[in-house]
């Protein structure tokens, strides 16, 4: 076996592994998971920014972002960003009526993912 043959064999193994990875990536379920993850990341970033702006405007006494808008951001997948925003900006954590709705939104997301997992993944 020549040194060049080893290189070719190693290259073919690499191509086979890459083809196997590409086949797994192209599965519809995998694409869907990435799409959902991207939606959650973008919604969380928007919600985090909204919390920061709302806190800044509250400190300055300026016009605020309505709570209903913040809840819509959370409901559309931004609740992780809201949790982070509440922790970092110390914002909207003491208002009980707001937190009740927020916890309900988080519960809806968790329940939805639990149902999805049980139905499609867990058997």
Protein backbone atom coordinates (compact mmCIF):
# COMPACT_ATOMS: atom_id res chain seq x y z
CA UNK A 1 0.00 0.00 0.00
CA UNK A 2 1.46 3.30 -1.06
CA UNK A 3 1.24 6.49 0.93
CA UNK A 4 -1.05 7.96 -1.74
CA UNK A 5 -3.47 5.04 -1.37
CA UNK A 6 -3.78 5.73 2.35
CA UNK A 7 -4.60 9.35 1.62
CA UNK A 8 -7.28 8.37 -0.90
CA UNK A 9 -8.78 5.80 1.49
CA UNK A 10 -8.85 8.31 4.34
CA UNK A 11 -10.42 10.91 2.05
CA UNK A 12 -13.14 8.48 0.97
CA UNK A 13 -13.93 7.64 4.61
CA UNK A 14 -14.19 11.37 5.34
CA UNK A 15 -16.56 11.84 2.40
CA UNK A 16 -18.72 8.91 3.57
CA UNK A 17 -18.94 10.38 7.08
CA UNK A 18 -19.80 13.77 5.68
CA UNK A 19 -22.48 12.27 3.43
CA UNK A 20 -23.98 10.48 6.45
CA UNK A 21 -24.04 13.76 8.40
CA UNK A 22 -25.64 15.57 5.48
CA UNK A 23 -28.31 12.88 5.20
CA UNK A 24 -29.15 13.31 8.89
CA UNK A 25 -29.24 17.09 8.56
CA UNK A 26 -31.61 16.93 5.62
CA UNK A 27 -34.28 15.05 7.53
CA UNK A 28 -37.47 17.15 7.80
CA UNK A 29 -37.65 16.78 11.59
CA UNK A 30 -34.12 18.07 12.00
CA UNK A 31 -34.85 21.11 9.86
CA UNK A 32 -38.01 21.77 11.83
CA UNK A 33 -36.13 21.67 15.13
CA UNK A 34 -33.62 24.19 13.80
CA UNK A 35 -36.43 26.42 12.56
CA UNK A 36 -38.14 26.35 15.95
CA UNK A 37 -34.81 26.98 17.71
CA UNK A 38 -34.17 30.00 15.48
CA UNK A 39 -37.66 31.37 16.21
CA UNK A 40 -37.07 30.99 19.95
CA UNK A 41 -33.65 32.65 19.72
CA UNK A 42 -34.91 35.61 17.68
CA UNK A 43 -38.04 36.04 19.81
CA UNK A 44 -35.95 35.83 22.98
CA UNK A 45 -33.52 38.45 21.71
CA UNK A 46 -36.39 40.79 20.81
CA UNK A 47 -38.04 40.23 24.19
CA UNK A 48 -34.78 40.82 26.04
CA UNK A 49 -34.25 44.09 24.17
CA UNK A 50 -37.86 45.11 24.85
CA UNK A 51 -37.37 44.49 28.58
CA UNK A 52 -34.19 46.58 28.54
CA UNK A 53 -35.85 49.44 26.70
CA UNK A 54 -38.90 49.32 28.95
CA UNK A 55 -36.71 49.46 32.05
CA UNK A 56 -34.68 52.36 30.64
CA UNK A 57 -37.83 54.27 29.73
CA UNK A 58 -39.33 53.55 33.17
CA UNK A 59 -36.25 55.03 34.86
CA UNK A 60 -36.39 58.11 32.63
CA UNK A 61 -40.14 58.53 33.10
CA UNK A 62 -40.79 58.17 29.38
CA UNK A 63 -43.54 56.32 27.57
CA UNK A 64 -43.36 52.58 28.26
CA UNK A 65 -43.92 49.39 26.28
CA UNK A 66 -47.40 48.07 27.13
CA UNK A 67 -47.48 44.90 29.22
CA UNK A 68 -49.69 43.30 26.61
CA UNK A 69 -46.92 43.74 24.03
CA UNK A 70 -44.35 42.19 26.34
CA UNK A 71 -46.70 39.24 26.92
CA UNK A 72 -47.11 38.78 23.16
CA UNK A 73 -43.33 38.65 22.77
CA UNK A 74 -43.21 36.00 25.50
CA UNK A 75 -46.06 34.01 23.99
CA UNK A 76 -44.41 33.99 20.55
CA UNK A 77 -41.39 32.20 21.99
CA UNK A 78 -39.50 34.93 23.78
CA UNK A 79 -40.04 33.75 27.32
CA UNK A 80 -36.35 32.70 27.76
CA UNK A 81 -35.34 36.25 26.87
CA UNK A 82 -37.95 37.54 29.30
CA UNK A 83 -36.55 35.40 32.11
CA UNK A 84 -33.08 36.73 31.34
CA UNK A 85 -34.38 40.30 31.07
CA UNK A 86 -36.15 40.04 34.42
CA UNK A 87 -32.97 38.77 36.05
CA UNK A 88 -30.53 41.22 34.48
CA UNK A 89 -32.66 44.38 34.45
CA UNK A 90 -34.60 43.51 37.64
CA UNK A 91 -37.73 44.45 35.78
CA UNK A 92 -41.35 43.29 36.10
CA UNK A 93 -40.53 40.82 38.87
CA UNK A 94 -42.54 42.41 41.66
CA UNK A 95 -45.80 43.04 39.85
CA UNK A 96 -47.94 40.05 40.82
CA UNK A 97 -50.55 40.42 38.06
CA UNK A 98 -47.81 40.52 35.44
CA UNK A 99 -46.00 37.52 36.87
CA UNK A 100 -49.19 35.43 37.00
CA UNK A 101 -49.69 35.91 33.25
CA UNK A 102 -45.98 35.34 32.62
CA UNK A 103 -45.93 32.06 34.55
CA UNK A 104 -49.04 30.99 32.61
CA UNK A 105 -47.26 31.68 29.32
CA UNK A 106 -44.22 29.69 30.41
CA UNK A 107 -46.52 26.85 31.51
CA UNK A 108 -48.20 26.84 28.08
CA UNK A 109 -44.81 26.52 26.38
CA UNK A 110 -43.60 23.78 28.70
CA UNK A 111 -46.87 21.85 28.36
CA UNK A 112 -46.78 22.21 24.57
CA UNK A 113 -43.25 20.84 24.39
CA UNK A 114 -44.12 18.01 26.78
CA UNK A 115 -47.10 17.01 24.64
CA UNK A 116 -45.01 17.22 21.47
CA UNK A 117 -42.24 15.12 22.99
CA UNK A 118 -44.61 12.49 24.33
CA UNK A 119 -46.54 12.26 21.09
CA UNK A 120 -43.76 12.34 18.52
CA UNK A 121 -40.56 11.38 20.32
CA UNK A 122 -41.35 9.47 23.47
CA UNK A 123 -43.81 7.00 22.04
